[in-house]
Amino acid sequence: MGSEKFPTPVADLCDANASLILAGELRILEPVFQPYGQCRSFSGRVVTMRVLEHNAGLRALLETPGEGRVLVLDGGGSKRCALIGGTLAEVGRGSGWAGAVVNGCVRDVDDVNGCAIGVRALASNPRKPGKSGATEMHVDVDVGGAVVRDGERRRRRGP
């Protein structure tokens, strides 16, 4: 059954909007993301960022007023290091971000899981990321088999 925040089950929404799915207007991420953080459901306007095995600029972004937004962080699917850990999750929570979808890994899993924010990531990896590299902001990213555009409103339901 649905919840107060999401009154209609996602499967029913997909059934009712099959033409939007076929047209690519409604996109569904592949079920490859693992849930982290205390918020199992989160949604908000999307901010996109693309990095590869570094998180340069991420802290500065998460320190801006989140206003309930969701970060979609495209790390190219790399599992060689983490992009977000407990400290950055807490920074985002403290700034009012609703959550993050990470096409990569998280670290400090116990700390992230203790944080009142929603995070989805491919896996966990204890290795820290680099601190410099090319960072692209507000660009279309391909995450979970779907193109996600900066500024879109993303709704995520359940784990």
N, C-alpha and C. Protein backbone atom coordinates (compact mmCIF):
# COMPACT_ATOMS: atom_id res chain seq x y z
N MET A 1 0.83 -1.17 0.00
CA MET A 1 0.00 0.00 0.00
C MET A 1 0.88 1.24 0.00
N GLY A 2 0.28 2.35 -0.39
CA GLY A 2 1.00 3.61 -0.41
C GLY A 2 1.15 4.19 0.98
N SER A 3 1.94 5.23 1.09
CA SER A 3 2.11 5.92 2.35
C SER A 3 1.51 7.31 2.20
N GLU A 4 1.50 8.09 3.27
CA GLU A 4 0.96 9.44 3.20
C GLU A 4 1.74 10.27 2.18
N LYS A 5 3.06 10.13 2.14
CA LYS A 5 3.88 10.90 1.22
C LYS A 5 3.73 10.38 -0.22
N PHE A 6 3.58 9.09 -0.37
CA PHE A 6 3.44 8.47 -1.68
C PHE A 6 2.15 7.65 -1.66
N PRO A 7 0.99 8.28 -1.89
CA PRO A 7 -0.28 7.59 -1.71
C PRO A 7 -0.54 6.48 -2.72
N THR A 8 0.08 6.51 -3.88
CA THR A 8 -0.15 5.49 -4.89
C THR A 8 1.09 4.62 -5.02
N PRO A 9 0.94 3.31 -4.93
CA PRO A 9 2.11 2.44 -5.09
C PRO A 9 2.81 2.68 -6.44
N VAL A 10 4.12 2.61 -6.44
CA VAL A 10 4.91 2.88 -7.63
C VAL A 10 4.52 1.95 -8.78
N ALA A 11 4.27 0.68 -8.50
CA ALA A 11 3.88 -0.25 -9.57
C ALA A 11 2.59 0.23 -10.25
N ASP A 12 1.65 0.74 -9.46
CA ASP A 12 0.40 1.25 -10.04
C ASP A 12 0.66 2.48 -10.90
N LEU A 13 1.56 3.35 -10.44
CA LEU A 13 1.91 4.53 -11.24
C LEU A 13 2.53 4.12 -12.57
N CYS A 14 3.38 3.12 -12.54
CA CYS A 14 4.00 2.64 -13.78
C CYS A 14 2.95 2.06 -14.73
N ASP A 15 2.04 1.27 -14.18
CA ASP A 15 0.97 0.69 -15.00
C ASP A 15 0.11 1.78 -15.63
N ALA A 16 -0.21 2.80 -14.87
CA ALA A 16 -1.08 3.87 -15.36
C ALA A 16 -0.38 4.82 -16.33
N ASN A 17 0.95 4.78 -16.35
CA ASN A 17 1.71 5.71 -17.18
C ASN A 17 2.63 5.01 -18.17
N ALA A 18 2.20 3.87 -18.67
CA ALA A 18 3.02 3.08 -19.59
C ALA A 18 3.43 3.89 -20.82
N SER A 19 2.56 4.75 -21.33
CA SER A 19 2.89 5.54 -22.51
C SER A 19 4.01 6.54 -22.19
N LEU A 20 4.03 7.08 -20.98
CA LEU A 20 5.11 7.99 -20.59
C LEU A 20 6.44 7.26 -20.47
N ILE A 21 6.39 6.03 -20.01
CA ILE A 21 7.61 5.22 -19.92
C ILE A 21 8.13 4.93 -21.31
N LEU A 22 7.25 4.53 -22.22
CA LEU A 22 7.67 4.24 -23.60
C LEU A 22 8.23 5.48 -24.29
N ALA A 23 7.67 6.65 -23.98
CA ALA A 23 8.13 7.89 -24.59
C ALA A 23 9.40 8.43 -23.94
N GLY A 24 9.82 7.83 -22.81
CA GLY A 24 11.02 8.28 -22.12
C GLY A 24 10.79 9.49 -21.22
N GLU A 25 9.52 9.87 -21.03
CA GLU A 25 9.21 11.00 -20.16
C GLU A 25 9.19 10.59 -18.69
N LEU A 26 8.91 9.33 -18.43
CA LEU A 26 8.96 8.76 -17.09
C LEU A 26 10.04 7.69 -17.12
N ARG A 27 11.07 7.88 -16.32
CA ARG A 27 12.20 6.95 -16.34
C ARG A 27 12.34 6.27 -14.99
N ILE A 28 12.73 5.02 -15.03
CA ILE A 28 12.88 4.22 -13.81
C ILE A 28 14.33 3.76 -13.72
N LEU A 29 14.95 4.04 -12.58
CA LEU A 29 16.33 3.61 -12.39
C LEU A 29 16.37 2.10 -12.18
N GLU A 30 17.42 1.49 -12.71
CA GLU A 30 17.62 0.06 -12.49
C GLU A 30 17.73 -0.22 -10.99
N PRO A 31 17.27 -1.37 -10.54
CA PRO A 31 17.31 -1.67 -9.10
C PRO A 31 18.69 -2.16 -8.65
N VAL A 32 19.67 -1.27 -8.76
CA VAL A 32 21.05 -1.63 -8.40
C VAL A 32 21.55 -0.86 -7.19
N PHE A 33 20.74 0.06 -6.68
CA PHE A 33 21.16 0.93 -5.59
C PHE A 33 20.77 0.35 -4.23
N GLN A 34 21.72 0.44 -3.30
CA GLN A 34 21.50 -0.03 -1.93
C GLN A 34 21.10 1.15 -1.06
N PRO A 35 20.19 0.94 -0.10
CA PRO A 35 19.77 2.04 0.76
C PRO A 35 20.74 2.27 1.93
N TYR A 36 21.03 3.53 2.20
CA TYR A 36 21.83 3.95 3.34
C TYR A 36 21.13 5.16 3.96
N GLY A 37 21.48 5.48 5.18
CA GLY A 37 20.87 6.62 5.85
C GLY A 37 19.53 6.23 6.46
N GLN A 38 19.01 7.10 7.31
CA GLN A 38 17.77 6.79 8.03
C GLN A 38 16.52 7.04 7.20
N CYS A 39 16.58 7.88 6.19
CA CYS A 39 15.39 8.17 5.38
C CYS A 39 15.30 7.17 4.25
N ARG A 40 14.35 6.29 4.35
CA ARG A 40 14.19 5.25 3.32
C ARG A 40 13.46 5.77 2.09
N SER A 41 12.68 6.82 2.25
CA SER A 41 11.99 7.45 1.12
C SER A 41 12.35 8.92 1.11
N PHE A 42 12.69 9.44 -0.06
CA PHE A 42 13.00 10.86 -0.16
C PHE A 42 12.75 11.31 -1.60
N SER A 43 12.50 12.58 -1.74
CA SER A 43 12.29 13.14 -3.06
C SER A 43 12.65 14.62 -3.01
N GLY A 44 12.81 15.21 -4.17
CA GLY A 44 13.11 16.63 -4.24
C GLY A 44 13.66 17.01 -5.59
N ARG A 45 13.84 18.29 -5.80
CA ARG A 45 14.41 18.79 -7.04
C ARG A 45 15.85 18.31 -7.14
N VAL A 46 16.23 17.87 -8.33
CA VAL A 46 17.55 17.25 -8.57
C VAL A 46 18.63 18.29 -8.84
N VAL A 47 19.79 18.06 -8.24
CA VAL A 47 21.02 18.76 -8.59
C VAL A 47 21.99 17.68 -9.04
N THR A 48 22.54 17.82 -10.23
CA THR A 48 23.45 16.80 -10.75
C THR A 48 24.90 17.26 -10.66
N MET A 49 25.76 16.25 -10.48
CA MET A 49 27.21 16.48 -10.41
C MET A 49 27.88 15.22 -10.95
N ARG A 50 28.93 15.41 -11.76
CA ARG A 50 29.68 14.27 -12.30
C ARG A 50 31.14 14.38 -11.88
N VAL A 51 31.65 13.29 -11.29
CA VAL A 51 33.04 13.20 -10.85
C VAL A 51 33.53 11.79 -11.18
N LEU A 52 34.83 11.57 -11.05
CA LEU A 52 35.36 10.22 -11.20
C LEU A 52 36.44 10.00 -10.16
N GLU A 53 36.10 9.21 -9.15
CA GLU A 53 37.01 8.79 -8.09
C GLU A 53 37.60 9.95 -7.29
N HIS A 54 36.87 11.06 -7.24
CA HIS A 54 37.22 12.19 -6.38
C HIS A 54 35.92 12.86 -5.99
N ASN A 55 35.97 13.70 -4.98
CA ASN A 55 34.76 14.43 -4.61
C ASN A 55 35.04 15.93 -4.48
N ALA A 56 35.92 16.43 -5.33
CA ALA A 56 36.24 17.86 -5.33
C ALA A 56 34.96 18.66 -5.56
N GLY A 57 34.75 19.64 -4.70
CA GLY A 57 33.59 20.50 -4.83
C GLY A 57 32.32 19.98 -4.16
N LEU A 58 32.33 18.73 -3.73
CA LEU A 58 31.12 18.14 -3.16
C LEU A 58 30.77 18.77 -1.82
N ARG A 59 31.75 18.95 -0.96
CA ARG A 59 31.47 19.56 0.35
C ARG A 59 30.89 20.95 0.18
N ALA A 60 31.48 21.75 -0.70
CA ALA A 60 30.98 23.11 -0.93
C ALA A 60 29.53 23.07 -1.41
N LEU A 61 29.19 22.14 -2.28
CA LEU A 61 27.82 22.02 -2.75
C LEU A 61 26.88 21.65 -1.61
N LEU A 62 27.27 20.65 -0.80
CA LEU A 62 26.41 20.20 0.29
C LEU A 62 26.30 21.22 1.41
N GLU A 63 27.18 22.19 1.46
CA GLU A 63 27.08 23.26 2.44
C GLU A 63 26.10 24.35 2.02
N THR A 64 25.68 24.35 0.75
CA THR A 64 24.69 25.32 0.31
C THR A 64 23.32 24.88 0.83
N PRO A 65 22.38 25.81 0.97
CA PRO A 65 21.05 25.42 1.44
C PRO A 65 20.44 24.36 0.52
N GLY A 66 20.13 23.21 1.11
CA GLY A 66 19.61 22.10 0.32
C GLY A 66 18.17 22.29 -0.10
N GLU A 67 17.38 22.93 0.73
CA GLU A 67 15.98 23.21 0.42
C GLU A 67 15.24 21.96 -0.04
N GLY A 68 15.59 20.81 0.56
CA GLY A 68 14.91 19.57 0.22
C GLY A 68 15.32 18.96 -1.11
N ARG A 69 16.42 19.43 -1.68
CA ARG A 69 16.87 18.90 -2.97
C ARG A 69 17.54 17.54 -2.81
N VAL A 70 17.69 16.85 -3.95
CA VAL A 70 18.34 15.55 -4.01
C VAL A 70 19.55 15.66 -4.93
N LEU A 71 20.71 15.29 -4.42
CA LEU A 71 21.93 15.26 -5.22
C LEU A 71 21.96 13.95 -6.00
N VAL A 72 22.14 14.03 -7.30
CA VAL A 72 22.41 12.85 -8.12
C VAL A 72 23.86 12.96 -8.54
N LEU A 73 24.69 12.14 -7.89
CA LEU A 73 26.14 12.19 -8.05
C LEU A 73 26.59 11.04 -8.95
N ASP A 74 27.02 11.38 -10.15
CA ASP A 74 27.46 10.36 -11.11
C ASP A 74 28.96 10.17 -10.97
N GLY A 75 29.33 9.06 -10.36
CA GLY A 75 30.73 8.68 -10.22
C GLY A 75 31.14 7.66 -11.26
N GLY A 76 30.38 7.58 -12.35
CA GLY A 76 30.73 6.66 -13.43
C GLY A 76 30.55 5.20 -13.06
N GLY A 77 29.92 4.93 -11.94
CA GLY A 77 29.72 3.55 -11.51
C GLY A 77 30.96 2.92 -10.91
N SER A 78 32.00 3.72 -10.69
CA SER A 78 33.25 3.19 -10.14
C SER A 78 33.02 2.70 -8.71
N LYS A 79 33.58 1.55 -8.42
CA LYS A 79 33.53 0.99 -7.07
C LYS A 79 34.92 0.92 -6.45
N ARG A 80 35.88 1.67 -7.04
CA ARG A 80 37.26 1.63 -6.55
C ARG A 80 37.49 2.50 -5.31
N CYS A 81 36.56 3.43 -5.04
CA CYS A 81 36.65 4.26 -3.83
C CYS A 81 35.26 4.80 -3.55
N ALA A 82 35.10 5.37 -2.38
CA ALA A 82 33.83 5.97 -2.00
C ALA A 82 33.81 7.44 -2.41
N LEU A 83 32.61 7.99 -2.57
CA LEU A 83 32.47 9.41 -2.89
C LEU A 83 31.87 10.19 -1.74
N ILE A 84 31.03 9.55 -0.94
CA ILE A 84 30.38 10.19 0.21
C ILE A 84 30.58 9.31 1.43
N GLY A 85 30.86 9.95 2.55
CA GLY A 85 30.97 9.25 3.82
C GLY A 85 30.09 9.91 4.87
N GLY A 86 30.29 9.54 6.09
CA GLY A 86 29.48 10.04 7.18
C GLY A 86 29.55 11.54 7.36
N THR A 87 30.73 12.11 7.22
CA THR A 87 30.87 13.56 7.41
C THR A 87 30.08 14.33 6.36
N LEU A 88 30.21 13.95 5.08
CA LEU A 88 29.48 14.66 4.04
C LEU A 88 27.98 14.41 4.13
N ALA A 89 27.57 13.22 4.53
CA ALA A 89 26.14 12.96 4.72
C ALA A 89 25.59 13.89 5.80
N GLU A 90 26.33 14.07 6.87
CA GLU A 90 25.89 14.95 7.95
C GLU A 90 25.88 16.41 7.51
N VAL A 91 26.86 16.81 6.71
CA VAL A 91 26.88 18.18 6.17
C VAL A 91 25.63 18.42 5.33
N GLY A 92 25.31 17.46 4.46
CA GLY A 92 24.12 17.59 3.63
C GLY A 92 22.84 17.65 4.45
N ARG A 93 22.75 16.80 5.44
CA ARG A 93 21.57 16.79 6.31
C ARG A 93 21.43 18.13 7.04
N GLY A 94 22.55 18.61 7.55
CA GLY A 94 22.52 19.87 8.27
C GLY A 94 22.17 21.06 7.41
N SER A 95 22.42 20.95 6.12
CA SER A 95 22.11 22.04 5.18
C SER A 95 20.72 21.90 4.56
N GLY A 96 20.02 20.82 4.91
CA GLY A 96 18.65 20.67 4.42
C GLY A 96 18.48 19.90 3.13
N TRP A 97 19.47 19.10 2.75
CA TRP A 97 19.32 18.24 1.58
C TRP A 97 18.46 17.04 1.95
N ALA A 98 17.60 16.59 1.05
CA ALA A 98 16.74 15.43 1.30
C ALA A 98 17.53 14.12 1.18
N GLY A 99 18.48 14.09 0.25
CA GLY A 99 19.23 12.87 0.06
C GLY A 99 20.14 12.93 -1.15
N ALA A 100 20.72 11.76 -1.46
CA ALA A 100 21.64 11.64 -2.58
C ALA A 100 21.50 10.27 -3.22
N VAL A 101 21.60 10.25 -4.53
CA VAL A 101 21.70 9.01 -5.29
C VAL A 101 23.11 9.02 -5.86
N VAL A 102 23.90 8.02 -5.48
CA VAL A 102 25.32 8.00 -5.82
C VAL A 102 25.60 6.84 -6.78
N ASN A 103 25.99 7.19 -7.99
CA ASN A 103 26.41 6.17 -8.96
C ASN A 103 27.87 5.85 -8.68
N GLY A 104 28.07 5.24 -7.51
CA GLY A 104 29.38 4.93 -6.97
C GLY A 104 29.19 4.40 -5.56
N CYS A 105 30.17 4.59 -4.72
CA CYS A 105 30.16 4.00 -3.37
C CYS A 105 30.10 5.04 -2.26
N VAL A 106 29.70 4.56 -1.09
CA VAL A 106 29.75 5.32 0.15
C VAL A 106 30.75 4.65 1.08
N ARG A 107 31.18 5.36 2.11
CA ARG A 107 32.02 4.80 3.16
C ARG A 107 31.47 5.22 4.50
N ASP A 108 32.08 4.78 5.58
CA ASP A 108 31.58 5.11 6.92
C ASP A 108 30.11 4.73 7.03
N VAL A 109 29.80 3.51 6.62
CA VAL A 109 28.41 3.07 6.52
C VAL A 109 27.64 3.25 7.83
N ASP A 110 28.24 2.94 8.97
CA ASP A 110 27.53 3.11 10.24
C ASP A 110 27.19 4.58 10.47
N ASP A 111 28.10 5.48 10.13
CA ASP A 111 27.83 6.90 10.29
C ASP A 111 26.74 7.38 9.33
N VAL A 112 26.81 6.96 8.08
CA VAL A 112 25.79 7.34 7.10
C VAL A 112 24.43 6.79 7.55
N ASN A 113 24.41 5.54 7.98
CA ASN A 113 23.14 4.94 8.43
C ASN A 113 22.57 5.61 9.66
N GLY A 114 23.40 6.27 10.45
CA GLY A 114 22.93 6.99 11.62
C GLY A 114 22.46 8.40 11.32
N CYS A 115 22.60 8.82 10.08
CA CYS A 115 22.27 10.18 9.68
C CYS A 115 20.84 10.25 9.15
N ALA A 116 20.11 11.30 9.52
CA ALA A 116 18.72 11.48 9.10
C ALA A 116 18.66 12.07 7.69
N ILE A 117 19.14 11.29 6.74
CA ILE A 117 19.14 11.68 5.33
C ILE A 117 18.98 10.40 4.52
N GLY A 118 18.53 10.51 3.30
CA GLY A 118 18.41 9.34 2.43
C GLY A 118 19.59 9.27 1.48
N VAL A 119 20.16 8.10 1.34
CA VAL A 119 21.27 7.89 0.41
C VAL A 119 21.04 6.57 -0.30
N ARG A 120 21.26 6.55 -1.59
CA ARG A 120 21.28 5.32 -2.37
C ARG A 120 22.63 5.29 -3.07
N ALA A 121 23.30 4.15 -3.02
CA ALA A 121 24.60 4.01 -3.67
C ALA A 121 24.73 2.58 -4.16
N LEU A 122 25.67 2.36 -5.04
CA LEU A 122 25.88 1.02 -5.60
C LEU A 122 26.41 0.04 -4.56
N ALA A 123 27.28 0.53 -3.65
CA ALA A 123 27.92 -0.34 -2.66
C ALA A 123 28.67 0.54 -1.67
N SER A 124 29.37 -0.12 -0.77
CA SER A 124 30.25 0.62 0.14
C SER A 124 31.69 0.21 -0.14
N ASN A 125 32.60 1.14 0.15
CA ASN A 125 34.03 0.91 -0.03
C ASN A 125 34.73 1.79 1.00
N PRO A 126 35.63 1.24 1.81
CA PRO A 126 36.28 2.06 2.84
C PRO A 126 37.33 3.02 2.30
N ARG A 127 37.73 2.85 1.04
CA ARG A 127 38.77 3.70 0.47
C ARG A 127 38.24 5.10 0.20
N LYS A 128 38.99 6.12 0.67
CA LYS A 128 38.56 7.50 0.47
C LYS A 128 38.83 7.94 -0.97
N PRO A 129 38.06 8.96 -1.41
CA PRO A 129 38.24 9.46 -2.78
C PRO A 129 39.40 10.44 -2.87
N GLY A 130 39.82 10.71 -4.09
CA GLY A 130 40.78 11.77 -4.32
C GLY A 130 40.14 13.12 -4.02
N LYS A 131 40.92 14.15 -3.93
CA LYS A 131 40.40 15.48 -3.60
C LYS A 131 40.52 16.47 -4.75
N SER A 132 40.98 16.01 -5.91
CA SER A 132 41.05 16.91 -7.06
C SER A 132 40.70 16.13 -8.32
N GLY A 133 40.22 16.85 -9.30
CA GLY A 133 39.84 16.25 -10.57
C GLY A 133 38.75 17.08 -11.22
N ALA A 134 38.37 16.69 -12.42
CA ALA A 134 37.34 17.40 -13.16
C ALA A 134 35.98 17.16 -12.51
N THR A 135 35.24 18.25 -12.33
CA THR A 135 33.90 18.19 -11.76
C THR A 135 32.96 18.90 -12.71
N GLU A 136 31.89 18.22 -13.10
CA GLU A 136 30.88 18.83 -13.94
C GLU A 136 29.61 18.99 -13.12
N MET A 137 29.06 20.19 -13.14
CA MET A 137 27.85 20.50 -12.38
C MET A 137 26.70 20.79 -13.33
N HIS A 138 25.49 20.43 -12.89
CA HIS A 138 24.25 20.78 -13.59
C HIS A 138 24.24 20.26 -15.03
N VAL A 139 24.71 19.01 -15.20
CA VAL A 139 24.73 18.37 -16.51
C VAL A 139 23.83 17.15 -16.48
N ASP A 140 23.36 16.72 -17.65
CA ASP A 140 22.62 15.47 -17.72
C ASP A 140 23.56 14.33 -17.35
N VAL A 141 23.09 13.40 -16.52
CA VAL A 141 23.90 12.26 -16.14
C VAL A 141 23.14 10.98 -16.43
N ASP A 142 23.85 9.93 -16.76
CA ASP A 142 23.25 8.62 -16.98
C ASP A 142 23.51 7.79 -15.74
N VAL A 143 22.45 7.57 -14.97
CA VAL A 143 22.55 6.87 -13.70
C VAL A 143 21.50 5.77 -13.67
N GLY A 144 21.92 4.56 -13.38
CA GLY A 144 20.97 3.48 -13.26
C GLY A 144 20.19 3.22 -14.53
N GLY A 145 20.83 3.44 -15.68
CA GLY A 145 20.18 3.18 -16.96
C GLY A 145 19.19 4.24 -17.39
N ALA A 146 19.18 5.38 -16.73
CA ALA A 146 18.26 6.47 -17.08
C ALA A 146 19.01 7.79 -17.09
N VAL A 147 18.64 8.66 -18.01
CA VAL A 147 19.21 10.00 -18.04
C VAL A 147 18.46 10.84 -17.01
N VAL A 148 19.23 11.48 -16.13
CA VAL A 148 18.66 12.35 -15.10
C VAL A 148 19.14 13.76 -15.41
N ARG A 149 18.19 14.69 -15.44
CA ARG A 149 18.49 16.07 -15.80
C ARG A 149 18.47 16.96 -14.56
N ASP A 150 19.42 17.86 -14.49
CA ASP A 150 19.47 18.83 -13.41
C ASP A 150 18.16 19.61 -13.37
N GLY A 151 17.63 19.80 -12.18
CA GLY A 151 16.41 20.57 -12.01
C GLY A 151 15.14 19.75 -12.01
N GLU A 152 15.23 18.49 -12.43
CA GLU A 152 14.04 17.63 -12.40
C GLU A 152 13.64 17.37 -10.96
N ARG A 153 12.42 16.97 -10.78
CA ARG A 153 11.95 16.54 -9.47
C ARG A 153 11.99 15.03 -9.47
N ARG A 154 12.71 14.45 -8.51
CA ARG A 154 12.86 13.01 -8.39
C ARG A 154 12.06 12.52 -7.22
N ARG A 155 11.37 11.44 -7.42
CA ARG A 155 10.62 10.82 -6.34
C ARG A 155 11.19 9.42 -6.18
N ARG A 156 11.57 9.09 -4.98
CA ARG A 156 12.16 7.78 -4.68
C ARG A 156 11.31 7.14 -3.60
N ARG A 157 10.88 5.94 -3.83
CA ARG A 157 10.02 5.27 -2.86
C ARG A 157 10.68 3.98 -2.39
N GLY A 158 10.85 3.87 -1.11
CA GLY A 158 11.32 2.63 -0.50
C GLY A 158 12.72 2.23 -0.88
N PRO A 159 13.21 1.16 -0.31
CA PRO A 159 14.57 0.69 -0.60
C PRO A 159 14.72 0.05 -1.95
